[in-house]
Amino acid sequence: MRISTSWANQSSVNAMLDQQSRLQQTQMQISTGKKILTPSDDPVAAAHIIDLNQTLKQTEQYQSNINYARDRLTMEEGVLQGATDILQRIYELGIQGLSDTNTPTSRNAAAVEMESLNKQLVNLANTKNANGEYMFSGFKSNTQPFSKDASNPGAYVYSGDVNTRPIQIDAVSQVADGDPGSSVFGIPTGASPATVPLPGAIANVFEAIDKFATDLRANAPTKASLDDISKSLDKIVTVRASVGTRLNVLDRQETINSDAILNTRTILSNTEDLDYAEAITKLTQQSASVQAAQQTFAQVKKLSLFNYL
């Protein structure tokens, strides 16, 4: 068998190119810090990396959703705390007003304070969040939820809706980021010609307070009116407890998601990140191989019959 000079030269060149390609691959891995540069390097690992990155982004979005929901619920909890404080003071005034020791003058003074507190309560019900949206309007966040019906004394109108916004906090769980005003402060009578219910059946807290204040001014308060205020207070306390429960759910899920993110990042790092110590050792070996191939080629080039003619 005869080996031509061109074949020997080409074989040496191919060997050098192969060694240089491997060296360049290792250099790229070191520069990027990734051991898989293209899907063809390891198709199975490349597909796994895509799945892990997608899972990581999804879980991080859940964390963003949790922060968003927490901000809104925390603000709602603060408003409900203020509403509870106001209603407790109104209830105290109501108990005092029912006492037979009161005079018409003292009951009138209590009515004045009660009406002032009711205005504060309405303002709380019309609170806007940091985005300028009404907190208790449901999906109608740009519409003020509660207002007095000027044509129907003692009546109020709710202009929001009954919807809540569910926030996804993991693959299967959602948490409402608020409550409609009708569920918190009660459904009001509405615009005229609707009539305000009789004491003992008034569902809306503002109407219940107005009715009791009117009775105080007339020096004829009733326990039925005070019971309406008490029921409204219980309703707000119940909603506040629900908000607290949802905040606890968010805290627990945030911890679960944080652990999931950490585990996913660990698996992702093990799958795609480069072992620098191993890569540098490999780079040194490949550099030596390239140099050896170059030296071999230089020697092979001299092995020609033409050098001896």
Protein backbone atom coordinates (compact mmCIF):
# COMPACT_ATOMS: atom_id res chain seq x y z
CA MET A 1 0.00 0.00 0.00
CA ARG A 2 1.34 3.37 -0.98
CA ILE A 3 0.58 6.52 1.03
CA SER A 4 0.78 9.71 -0.94
CA THR A 5 2.39 12.84 0.38
CA SER A 6 -0.88 14.81 -0.04
CA TRP A 7 -2.83 12.24 2.00
CA ALA A 8 -0.34 12.45 4.86
CA ASN A 9 -0.45 16.24 4.84
CA GLN A 10 -4.26 16.28 4.75
CA SER A 11 -4.45 13.81 7.63
CA SER A 12 -2.22 16.04 9.74
CA VAL A 13 -4.26 19.11 8.83
CA ASN A 14 -7.50 17.31 9.76
CA ALA A 15 -6.01 16.29 13.09
CA MET A 16 -5.01 19.87 13.84
CA LEU A 17 -8.43 21.22 12.85
CA ASP A 18 -10.13 18.64 15.04
CA GLN A 19 -7.96 19.54 18.03
CA GLN A 20 -8.49 23.28 17.42
CA SER A 21 -12.26 22.78 17.21
CA ARG A 22 -12.29 21.00 20.56
CA LEU A 23 -10.09 23.70 22.06
CA GLN A 24 -12.40 26.43 20.74
CA GLN A 25 -15.42 24.59 22.18
CA THR A 26 -13.82 24.50 25.61
CA GLN A 27 -12.82 28.18 25.37
CA MET A 28 -16.45 29.09 24.55
CA GLN A 29 -17.69 27.05 27.50
CA ILE A 30 -15.31 28.86 29.85
CA SER A 31 -16.25 32.28 28.48
CA THR A 32 -20.01 31.62 28.83
CA GLY A 33 -19.89 29.49 31.97
CA LYS A 34 -22.20 26.98 30.26
CA LYS A 35 -21.28 23.42 29.34
CA ILE A 36 -24.05 23.15 26.73
CA LEU A 37 -23.64 25.77 24.01
CA THR A 38 -26.05 24.38 21.41
CA PRO A 39 -28.87 21.80 21.62
CA SER A 40 -26.79 19.41 19.55
CA ASP A 41 -24.20 19.22 22.33
CA ASP A 42 -26.70 17.29 24.49
CA PRO A 43 -30.29 17.24 23.15
CA VAL A 44 -31.77 15.65 26.28
CA ALA A 45 -30.09 18.10 28.66
CA ALA A 46 -30.98 21.04 26.38
CA ALA A 47 -34.68 20.10 26.50
CA HIS A 48 -34.47 19.72 30.27
CA ILE A 49 -32.91 23.18 30.58
CA ILE A 50 -35.79 24.71 28.59
CA ASP A 51 -38.32 23.04 30.89
CA LEU A 52 -36.47 24.19 34.01
CA ASN A 53 -36.25 27.79 32.80
CA GLN A 54 -39.96 27.79 31.98
CA THR A 55 -40.79 26.42 35.44
CA LEU A 56 -38.54 29.01 37.06
CA LYS A 57 -40.14 31.93 35.21
CA GLN A 58 -43.61 30.66 36.02
CA THR A 59 -42.86 30.32 39.73
CA GLU A 60 -41.24 33.76 39.81
CA GLN A 61 -44.43 35.16 38.25
CA TYR A 62 -46.42 33.51 41.03
CA GLN A 63 -44.19 35.32 43.52
CA SER A 64 -44.88 38.62 41.76
CA ASN A 65 -48.61 37.85 41.92
CA ILE A 66 -48.32 37.15 45.64
CA ASN A 67 -46.61 40.50 46.25
CA TYR A 68 -49.32 42.26 44.23
CA ALA A 69 -52.14 40.53 46.12
CA ARG A 70 -50.45 41.12 49.48
CA ASP A 71 -50.16 44.86 48.83
CA ARG A 72 -53.86 45.14 47.99
CA LEU A 73 -55.04 42.93 50.86
CA THR A 74 -52.79 44.69 53.36
CA MET A 75 -54.27 48.01 52.33
CA GLU A 76 -57.78 46.57 52.59
CA GLU A 77 -56.99 45.20 56.05
CA GLY A 78 -55.93 48.68 57.14
CA VAL A 79 -59.14 50.22 55.82
CA LEU A 80 -61.23 47.57 57.56
CA GLN A 81 -59.35 48.22 60.80
CA GLY A 82 -60.27 51.89 60.52
CA ALA A 83 -63.88 50.97 59.72
CA THR A 84 -64.01 48.66 62.72
CA ASP A 85 -62.72 51.39 65.03
CA ILE A 86 -65.29 53.85 63.71
CA LEU A 87 -68.16 51.38 64.06
CA GLN A 88 -67.14 50.45 67.58
CA ARG A 89 -67.29 54.12 68.54
CA ILE A 90 -70.67 54.47 66.82
CA TYR A 91 -71.94 51.39 68.66
CA GLU A 92 -70.79 52.92 71.97
CA LEU A 93 -72.69 56.10 71.13
CA GLY A 94 -75.71 53.97 70.28
CA ILE A 95 -75.64 52.18 73.63
CA GLN A 96 -75.32 55.51 75.41
CA GLY A 97 -78.15 56.95 73.33
CA LEU A 98 -80.51 54.16 74.35
CA SER A 99 -80.04 54.96 78.03
CA ASP A 100 -83.07 56.59 79.67
CA THR A 101 -80.73 59.00 81.47
CA ASN A 102 -80.08 60.87 78.21
CA THR A 103 -81.71 64.20 77.46
CA PRO A 104 -82.80 65.32 74.00
CA THR A 105 -79.74 67.60 73.96
CA SER A 106 -77.27 64.82 74.74
CA ARG A 107 -78.90 62.54 72.15
CA ASN A 108 -78.68 65.28 69.56
CA ALA A 109 -74.97 65.71 70.34
CA ALA A 110 -74.49 61.95 69.94
CA ALA A 111 -76.32 62.10 66.61
CA VAL A 112 -74.00 64.86 65.38
CA GLU A 113 -70.92 62.79 66.25
CA MET A 114 -72.46 59.67 64.76
CA GLU A 115 -73.19 61.43 61.46
CA SER A 116 -69.66 62.78 61.35
CA LEU A 117 -68.27 59.28 61.92
CA ASN A 118 -70.56 57.93 59.22
CA LYS A 119 -69.08 60.37 56.71
CA GLN A 120 -65.62 59.10 57.65
CA LEU A 121 -66.84 55.55 57.15
CA VAL A 122 -68.19 56.36 53.69
CA ASN A 123 -64.85 57.93 52.81
CA LEU A 124 -63.10 54.72 53.87
CA ALA A 125 -65.48 52.69 51.71
CA ASN A 126 -64.51 54.94 48.78
CA THR A 127 -60.78 54.51 49.37
CA LYS A 128 -58.51 54.32 46.32
CA ASN A 129 -55.46 52.09 46.14
CA ALA A 130 -51.96 53.08 45.02
CA ASN A 131 -53.04 52.78 41.37
CA GLY A 132 -55.88 55.25 41.84
CA GLU A 133 -58.52 52.52 41.66
CA TYR A 134 -61.45 52.28 44.04
CA MET A 135 -60.79 49.42 46.40
CA PHE A 136 -64.39 48.28 46.93
CA SER A 137 -65.90 48.68 43.44
CA GLY A 138 -65.21 45.17 42.14
CA PHE A 139 -64.34 45.25 38.45
CA LYS A 140 -65.66 48.83 38.17
CA SER A 141 -62.48 50.11 39.76
CA ASN A 142 -62.78 53.56 38.19
CA THR A 143 -66.27 54.10 39.62
CA GLN A 144 -66.86 55.43 43.13
CA PRO A 145 -68.69 52.61 44.92
CA PHE A 146 -70.86 54.44 47.49
CA SER A 147 -72.77 57.71 47.37
CA LYS A 148 -75.81 59.24 49.02
CA ASP A 149 -79.06 59.31 47.09
CA ALA A 150 -79.91 63.01 47.17
CA SER A 151 -83.53 62.33 46.19
CA ASN A 152 -84.09 59.63 48.82
CA PRO A 153 -83.15 60.76 52.36
CA GLY A 154 -81.32 58.13 54.35
CA ALA A 155 -80.63 55.96 51.29
CA TYR A 156 -77.33 55.16 49.62
CA VAL A 157 -76.38 53.82 46.19
CA TYR A 158 -73.74 51.21 45.37
CA SER A 159 -72.29 51.75 41.88
CA GLY A 160 -69.72 48.96 41.90
CA ASP A 161 -70.27 45.29 41.08
CA VAL A 162 -69.97 42.03 43.01
CA ASN A 163 -66.90 40.66 41.20
CA THR A 164 -63.54 39.83 42.75
CA ARG A 165 -60.19 39.46 40.99
CA PRO A 166 -58.64 35.99 41.48
CA ILE A 167 -54.84 36.02 41.59
CA GLN A 168 -52.92 32.87 40.64
CA ILE A 169 -50.35 32.03 43.34
CA ASP A 170 -49.34 28.56 42.16
CA ALA A 171 -50.36 26.12 39.46
CA VAL A 172 -53.70 25.29 41.09
CA SER A 173 -54.40 27.98 43.74
CA GLN A 174 -55.96 31.42 43.48
CA VAL A 175 -56.60 34.15 46.04
CA ALA A 176 -59.06 37.05 45.71
CA ASP A 177 -57.16 40.33 46.05
CA GLY A 178 -60.16 42.23 47.44
CA ASP A 179 -63.85 42.27 48.29
CA PRO A 180 -66.77 44.09 46.66
CA GLY A 181 -68.22 46.91 48.76
CA SER A 182 -71.66 45.32 48.83
CA SER A 183 -70.19 42.32 50.68
CA VAL A 184 -68.30 44.49 53.16
CA PHE A 185 -70.66 47.38 53.92
CA GLY A 186 -73.93 45.77 52.92
CA ILE A 187 -76.24 46.26 49.97
CA PRO A 188 -77.86 49.71 50.16
CA THR A 189 -81.42 50.60 49.27
CA GLY A 190 -80.42 52.11 45.96
CA ALA A 191 -81.76 55.01 44.00
CA SER A 192 -85.31 56.32 44.42
CA PRO A 193 -88.10 55.13 44.27
CA ALA A 194 -86.69 52.38 46.51
CA THR A 195 -87.46 52.93 50.19
CA VAL A 196 -85.18 52.42 53.18
CA PRO A 197 -86.16 49.26 55.11
CA LEU A 198 -87.49 49.46 58.64
CA PRO A 199 -85.12 49.15 61.60
CA GLY A 200 -84.02 45.56 62.15
CA ALA A 201 -83.84 44.87 58.41
CA ILE A 202 -81.38 47.53 57.20
CA ALA A 203 -78.47 45.72 55.54
CA ASN A 204 -76.29 48.69 54.62
CA VAL A 205 -74.15 50.09 57.42
CA PHE A 206 -74.40 53.73 56.26
CA GLU A 207 -78.18 53.57 56.12
CA ALA A 208 -78.29 51.88 59.54
CA ILE A 209 -76.16 54.63 61.07
CA ASP A 210 -78.19 57.39 59.42
CA LYS A 211 -81.40 55.82 60.71
CA PHE A 212 -80.10 55.59 64.27
CA ALA A 213 -78.81 59.18 64.13
CA THR A 214 -82.24 60.32 62.88
CA ASP A 215 -83.90 58.49 65.76
CA LEU A 216 -81.51 60.12 68.22
CA ARG A 217 -82.40 63.57 66.89
CA ALA A 218 -86.06 62.69 67.35
CA ASN A 219 -85.25 61.55 70.89
CA ALA A 220 -86.61 58.09 70.01
CA PRO A 221 -83.72 55.65 69.41
CA THR A 222 -84.62 51.96 69.10
CA LYS A 223 -82.70 48.81 69.86
CA ALA A 224 -83.65 47.46 66.42
CA SER A 225 -81.64 50.24 64.78
CA LEU A 226 -78.68 49.52 67.04
CA ASP A 227 -78.95 45.83 66.12
CA ASP A 228 -78.58 46.78 62.46
CA ILE A 229 -75.32 48.59 63.29
CA SER A 230 -74.15 45.59 65.33
CA LYS A 231 -74.82 43.23 62.41
CA SER A 232 -72.86 45.52 60.09
CA LEU A 233 -69.96 45.56 62.53
CA ASP A 234 -70.00 41.76 62.66
CA LYS A 235 -69.98 41.61 58.86
CA ILE A 236 -66.93 43.87 58.58
CA VAL A 237 -65.12 41.89 61.28
CA THR A 238 -65.87 38.69 59.34
CA VAL A 239 -64.52 40.16 56.10
CA ARG A 240 -61.45 41.38 57.94
CA ALA A 241 -60.85 37.86 59.28
CA SER A 242 -61.14 36.56 55.71
CA VAL A 243 -58.54 39.08 54.57
CA GLY A 244 -56.22 37.94 57.36
CA THR A 245 -56.69 34.32 56.31
CA ARG A 246 -55.82 35.17 52.71
CA LEU A 247 -52.71 37.04 53.84
CA ASN A 248 -51.63 33.95 55.77
CA VAL A 249 -52.20 31.81 52.67
CA LEU A 250 -50.01 34.18 50.67
CA ASP A 251 -47.23 33.99 53.25
CA ARG A 252 -47.27 30.20 53.28
CA GLN A 253 -47.38 29.94 49.50
CA GLU A 254 -44.55 32.45 49.16
CA THR A 255 -42.36 30.19 51.30
CA ILE A 256 -43.32 27.15 49.22
CA ASN A 257 -42.57 29.01 45.99
CA SER A 258 -39.24 30.27 47.33
CA ASP A 259 -38.18 26.71 48.13
CA ALA A 260 -39.31 25.59 44.67
CA ILE A 261 -37.31 28.37 43.01
CA LEU A 262 -34.20 27.44 44.99
CA ASN A 263 -34.54 23.75 44.08
CA THR A 264 -35.15 24.54 40.42
CA ARG A 265 -32.14 26.85 40.26
CA THR A 266 -29.99 24.16 41.87
CA ILE A 267 -31.08 21.55 39.33
CA LEU A 268 -30.64 24.05 36.50
CA SER A 269 -27.15 24.92 37.68
CA ASN A 270 -26.17 21.26 37.88
CA THR A 271 -27.52 20.73 34.38
CA GLU A 272 -26.08 23.69 32.49
CA ASP A 273 -23.34 25.36 34.53
CA LEU A 274 -19.73 24.57 33.77
CA ASP A 275 -17.29 22.99 36.21
CA TYR A 276 -14.49 25.53 35.80
CA ALA A 277 -11.78 23.37 37.40
CA GLU A 278 -12.57 20.50 35.08
CA ALA A 279 -12.83 22.82 32.07
CA ILE A 280 -9.49 24.52 32.73
CA THR A 281 -7.79 21.14 33.09
CA LYS A 282 -9.40 20.07 29.83
CA LEU A 283 -8.30 23.32 28.16
CA THR A 284 -4.70 22.72 29.22
CA GLN A 285 -4.75 19.20 27.82
CA GLN A 286 -6.33 20.32 24.56
CA SER A 287 -3.80 23.13 24.16
CA ALA A 288 -1.02 20.59 24.55
CA SER A 289 -2.73 18.34 21.98
CA VAL A 290 -2.97 21.20 19.47
CA GLN A 291 0.70 22.03 19.94
CA ALA A 292 1.62 18.36 19.50
CA ALA A 293 -0.46 18.16 16.33
CA GLN A 294 1.24 21.27 14.94
CA GLN A 295 4.68 19.89 15.72
CA THR A 296 3.77 16.56 14.14
CA PHE A 297 2.57 18.32 11.02
CA ALA A 298 5.83 20.23 10.78
CA GLN A 299 7.72 16.94 10.89
CA VAL A 300 5.41 15.18 8.45
CA LYS A 301 5.87 17.98 5.90
CA LYS A 302 9.54 17.05 5.71
CA LEU A 303 8.80 13.43 4.84
CA SER A 304 8.79 13.86 1.06
CA LEU A 305 10.85 12.01 -1.56
CA PHE A 306 11.46 15.33 -3.22
CA ASN A 307 13.71 16.25 -0.33
CA TYR A 308 16.09 13.46 -1.38
CA LEU A 309 16.16 13.91 -5.14
